[in-house]
């Protein structure tokens, strides 16, 4: 991950703002790479683009079966938890 951080101009990975800006830049790059496919972009963010590309190539060789399960986050799931219940 240090190389990925450098690629996205993260100077201090322990600085929350620097880290978030770098992560957002990386995710944007992945969304462009995978033509807006959020599931592939998130998979690549977590496992790395090479792993996703290998999985996609392998899927094409075995008849196009989807080996990357889609990940969707609804706005409710991504909102802060209300401490009051």
N, C-alpha and C. Protein backbone atom coordinates (compact mmCIF):
# COMPACT_ATOMS: atom_id res chain seq x y z
N UNK A 1 0.79 -1.20 0.00
CA UNK A 1 0.00 0.00 0.00
C UNK A 1 0.84 1.27 0.00
N UNK A 2 2.07 1.27 0.46
CA UNK A 2 2.85 2.50 0.39
C UNK A 2 2.99 3.03 -1.04
N UNK A 3 3.14 2.14 -2.00
CA UNK A 3 3.25 2.58 -3.40
C UNK A 3 1.93 3.19 -3.88
N UNK A 4 0.82 2.59 -3.49
CA UNK A 4 -0.49 3.13 -3.86
C UNK A 4 -0.68 4.51 -3.24
N UNK A 5 -0.28 4.66 -1.99
CA UNK A 5 -0.39 5.96 -1.32
C UNK A 5 0.46 7.00 -2.05
N UNK A 6 1.68 6.64 -2.42
CA UNK A 6 2.54 7.57 -3.16
C UNK A 6 1.91 7.95 -4.50
N UNK A 7 1.33 6.95 -5.19
CA UNK A 7 0.71 7.20 -6.49
C UNK A 7 -0.43 8.22 -6.41
N UNK A 8 -1.02 8.35 -5.23
CA UNK A 8 -2.16 9.25 -5.06
C UNK A 8 -1.83 10.43 -4.15
N UNK A 9 -0.54 10.75 -4.08
CA UNK A 9 -0.04 11.93 -3.37
C UNK A 9 -0.40 11.96 -1.89
N UNK A 10 -0.47 10.80 -1.25
CA UNK A 10 -0.68 10.75 0.19
C UNK A 10 0.68 10.90 0.84
N UNK A 11 0.86 12.03 1.49
CA UNK A 11 2.15 12.29 2.11
C UNK A 11 2.24 11.69 3.51
N UNK A 12 1.13 11.71 4.23
CA UNK A 12 1.10 11.14 5.58
C UNK A 12 -0.12 10.22 5.69
N UNK A 13 0.06 8.90 5.58
CA UNK A 13 -1.09 7.99 5.63
C UNK A 13 -1.80 7.99 6.98
N UNK A 14 -1.19 8.57 8.00
CA UNK A 14 -1.83 8.63 9.31
C UNK A 14 -2.62 9.92 9.50
N UNK A 15 -2.55 10.83 8.52
CA UNK A 15 -3.37 12.04 8.55
C UNK A 15 -4.72 11.70 7.92
N UNK A 16 -5.81 11.79 8.69
CA UNK A 16 -7.11 11.35 8.17
C UNK A 16 -7.52 12.04 6.87
N UNK A 17 -7.33 13.35 6.76
CA UNK A 17 -7.74 14.06 5.55
C UNK A 17 -6.91 13.62 4.35
N UNK A 18 -5.62 13.52 4.54
CA UNK A 18 -4.71 13.08 3.48
C UNK A 18 -5.08 11.67 3.03
N UNK A 19 -5.37 10.80 3.99
CA UNK A 19 -5.74 9.42 3.70
C UNK A 19 -7.06 9.35 2.93
N UNK A 20 -8.06 10.11 3.37
CA UNK A 20 -9.37 10.10 2.69
C UNK A 20 -9.27 10.66 1.28
N UNK A 21 -8.51 11.73 1.10
CA UNK A 21 -8.35 12.31 -0.23
C UNK A 21 -7.66 11.32 -1.17
N UNK A 22 -6.64 10.65 -0.66
CA UNK A 22 -5.94 9.65 -1.48
C UNK A 22 -6.85 8.49 -1.83
N UNK A 23 -7.64 8.01 -0.87
CA UNK A 23 -8.56 6.91 -1.12
C UNK A 23 -9.63 7.28 -2.12
N UNK A 24 -10.15 8.51 -2.01
CA UNK A 24 -11.17 8.96 -2.95
C UNK A 24 -10.61 9.08 -4.36
N UNK A 25 -9.38 9.58 -4.46
CA UNK A 25 -8.72 9.68 -5.77
C UNK A 25 -8.53 8.30 -6.38
N UNK A 26 -8.10 7.35 -5.57
CA UNK A 26 -7.89 5.98 -6.03
C UNK A 26 -9.21 5.35 -6.48
N UNK A 27 -10.26 5.53 -5.70
CA UNK A 27 -11.56 4.97 -6.07
C UNK A 27 -12.07 5.60 -7.36
N UNK A 28 -11.88 6.89 -7.53
CA UNK A 28 -12.29 7.55 -8.77
C UNK A 28 -11.54 6.96 -9.96
N UNK A 29 -10.24 6.75 -9.80
CA UNK A 29 -9.45 6.17 -10.88
C UNK A 29 -9.97 4.77 -11.23
N UNK A 30 -10.33 3.99 -10.21
CA UNK A 30 -10.85 2.65 -10.46
C UNK A 30 -12.22 2.69 -11.13
N UNK A 31 -13.06 3.64 -10.76
CA UNK A 31 -14.36 3.78 -11.41
C UNK A 31 -14.20 4.11 -12.89
N UNK A 32 -13.22 4.94 -13.22
CA UNK A 32 -12.94 5.24 -14.62
C UNK A 32 -12.44 3.98 -15.33
N UNK A 33 -11.51 3.29 -14.69
CA UNK A 33 -10.93 2.08 -15.29
C UNK A 33 -11.98 1.02 -15.59
N UNK A 34 -12.95 0.86 -14.68
CA UNK A 34 -13.98 -0.17 -14.84
C UNK A 34 -15.29 0.43 -15.34
N UNK A 35 -15.19 1.58 -16.01
CA UNK A 35 -16.32 2.20 -16.72
C UNK A 35 -17.56 2.36 -15.83
N UNK A 36 -17.34 2.82 -14.61
CA UNK A 36 -18.45 3.09 -13.71
C UNK A 36 -19.02 1.88 -13.00
N UNK A 37 -18.46 0.71 -13.21
CA UNK A 37 -18.96 -0.50 -12.55
C UNK A 37 -18.50 -0.47 -11.08
N UNK A 38 -19.44 -0.11 -10.20
CA UNK A 38 -19.09 0.06 -8.79
C UNK A 38 -18.62 -1.24 -8.14
N UNK A 39 -19.22 -2.35 -8.52
CA UNK A 39 -18.82 -3.63 -7.92
C UNK A 39 -17.37 -3.96 -8.26
N UNK A 40 -16.99 -3.78 -9.52
CA UNK A 40 -15.61 -4.06 -9.91
C UNK A 40 -14.65 -3.05 -9.28
N UNK A 41 -15.05 -1.77 -9.24
CA UNK A 41 -14.17 -0.76 -8.65
C UNK A 41 -13.94 -1.04 -7.17
N UNK A 42 -15.00 -1.41 -6.44
CA UNK A 42 -14.84 -1.72 -5.02
C UNK A 42 -14.02 -2.99 -4.82
N UNK A 43 -14.23 -3.98 -5.68
CA UNK A 43 -13.43 -5.21 -5.58
C UNK A 43 -11.96 -4.89 -5.82
N UNK A 44 -11.68 -4.04 -6.81
CA UNK A 44 -10.30 -3.66 -7.11
C UNK A 44 -9.71 -2.81 -5.99
N UNK A 45 -10.52 -1.97 -5.36
CA UNK A 45 -10.05 -1.16 -4.24
C UNK A 45 -9.60 -2.07 -3.10
N UNK A 46 -10.34 -3.15 -2.87
CA UNK A 46 -10.03 -4.06 -1.77
C UNK A 46 -8.99 -5.11 -2.11
N UNK A 47 -9.10 -5.72 -3.27
CA UNK A 47 -8.21 -6.83 -3.63
C UNK A 47 -7.10 -6.43 -4.59
N UNK A 48 -7.23 -5.27 -5.21
CA UNK A 48 -6.25 -4.82 -6.18
C UNK A 48 -6.74 -5.05 -7.60
N UNK A 49 -6.42 -4.12 -8.49
CA UNK A 49 -6.88 -4.24 -9.87
C UNK A 49 -6.37 -5.50 -10.58
N UNK A 50 -5.17 -5.91 -10.29
CA UNK A 50 -4.65 -7.12 -10.95
C UNK A 50 -5.47 -8.34 -10.59
N UNK A 51 -5.87 -8.45 -9.33
CA UNK A 51 -6.68 -9.60 -8.91
C UNK A 51 -8.03 -9.59 -9.62
N UNK A 52 -8.63 -8.42 -9.74
CA UNK A 52 -9.92 -8.32 -10.43
C UNK A 52 -9.76 -8.64 -11.90
N UNK A 53 -8.72 -8.11 -12.52
CA UNK A 53 -8.49 -8.38 -13.93
C UNK A 53 -8.23 -9.87 -14.18
N UNK A 54 -7.49 -10.51 -13.29
CA UNK A 54 -7.25 -11.96 -13.44
C UNK A 54 -8.55 -12.74 -13.29
N UNK A 55 -9.37 -12.34 -12.32
CA UNK A 55 -10.64 -13.03 -12.11
C UNK A 55 -11.55 -12.86 -13.32
N UNK A 56 -11.57 -11.67 -13.89
CA UNK A 56 -12.40 -11.42 -15.07
C UNK A 56 -11.90 -12.22 -16.25
N UNK A 57 -10.58 -12.30 -16.42
CA UNK A 57 -10.02 -13.08 -17.53
C UNK A 57 -10.34 -14.56 -17.35
N UNK A 58 -10.22 -15.04 -16.12
CA UNK A 58 -10.56 -16.44 -15.84
C UNK A 58 -12.02 -16.72 -16.09
N UNK A 59 -12.89 -15.77 -15.76
CA UNK A 59 -14.34 -15.94 -15.98
C UNK A 59 -14.63 -16.04 -17.47
N UNK A 60 -13.94 -15.24 -18.26
CA UNK A 60 -14.15 -15.30 -19.71
C UNK A 60 -13.75 -16.66 -20.27
N UNK A 61 -12.73 -17.25 -19.67
CA UNK A 61 -12.25 -18.55 -20.14
C UNK A 61 -13.20 -19.69 -19.75
N UNK A 62 -14.01 -19.48 -18.71
CA UNK A 62 -14.92 -20.55 -18.28
C UNK A 62 -16.37 -20.22 -18.61
N UNK A 63 -16.55 -19.42 -19.63
CA UNK A 63 -17.90 -19.18 -20.11
C UNK A 63 -18.56 -17.94 -19.59
N UNK A 64 -17.80 -17.00 -19.07
CA UNK A 64 -18.36 -15.72 -18.67
C UNK A 64 -19.06 -15.70 -17.34
N UNK A 65 -18.94 -16.74 -16.54
CA UNK A 65 -19.58 -16.74 -15.23
C UNK A 65 -19.01 -15.61 -14.39
N UNK A 66 -19.87 -14.91 -13.68
CA UNK A 66 -19.46 -13.78 -12.86
C UNK A 66 -18.76 -14.29 -11.60
N UNK A 67 -17.46 -14.01 -11.49
CA UNK A 67 -16.72 -14.46 -10.31
C UNK A 67 -16.55 -13.33 -9.29
N UNK A 68 -16.93 -12.13 -9.67
CA UNK A 68 -16.88 -10.99 -8.74
C UNK A 68 -18.30 -10.71 -8.31
N UNK A 69 -18.61 -11.01 -7.06
CA UNK A 69 -19.97 -10.77 -6.60
C UNK A 69 -20.19 -9.28 -6.42
N UNK A 70 -21.34 -8.79 -6.83
CA UNK A 70 -21.60 -7.36 -6.72
C UNK A 70 -21.75 -6.93 -5.26
N UNK A 71 -21.28 -5.75 -4.98
CA UNK A 71 -21.39 -5.18 -3.65
C UNK A 71 -22.14 -3.87 -3.80
N UNK A 72 -23.25 -3.76 -3.15
CA UNK A 72 -24.03 -2.53 -3.20
C UNK A 72 -24.21 -2.02 -1.77
N UNK A 73 -24.09 -0.73 -1.60
CA UNK A 73 -24.29 -0.13 -0.30
C UNK A 73 -25.43 0.87 -0.45
N UNK A 74 -26.48 0.67 0.30
CA UNK A 74 -27.59 1.62 0.24
C UNK A 74 -27.25 2.83 1.08
N UNK A 75 -27.88 3.98 0.81
CA UNK A 75 -27.60 5.17 1.63
C UNK A 75 -27.85 4.91 3.12
N UNK A 76 -28.84 4.09 3.45
CA UNK A 76 -29.13 3.79 4.85
C UNK A 76 -27.95 3.05 5.50
N UNK A 77 -27.34 2.12 4.75
CA UNK A 77 -26.22 1.36 5.31
C UNK A 77 -24.98 2.21 5.49
N UNK A 78 -24.87 3.27 4.71
CA UNK A 78 -23.65 4.08 4.79
C UNK A 78 -23.82 5.33 5.65
N UNK A 79 -25.00 5.52 6.24
CA UNK A 79 -25.21 6.70 7.07
C UNK A 79 -24.71 6.43 8.50
N UNK A 80 -24.38 7.50 9.22
CA UNK A 80 -23.90 7.31 10.59
C UNK A 80 -24.96 6.67 11.48
N UNK A 81 -24.51 5.95 12.46
CA UNK A 81 -25.42 5.31 13.41
C UNK A 81 -25.91 6.36 14.39
N UNK A 82 -27.19 6.34 14.64
CA UNK A 82 -27.79 7.25 15.61
C UNK A 82 -27.62 6.64 17.00
N UNK A 83 -26.89 7.31 17.84
CA UNK A 83 -26.62 6.77 19.18
C UNK A 83 -27.86 6.72 20.05
N UNK A 84 -28.89 7.50 19.68
CA UNK A 84 -30.11 7.53 20.46
C UNK A 84 -31.08 6.41 20.11
N UNK A 85 -30.70 5.59 19.13
CA UNK A 85 -31.56 4.47 18.80
C UNK A 85 -32.21 4.63 17.52
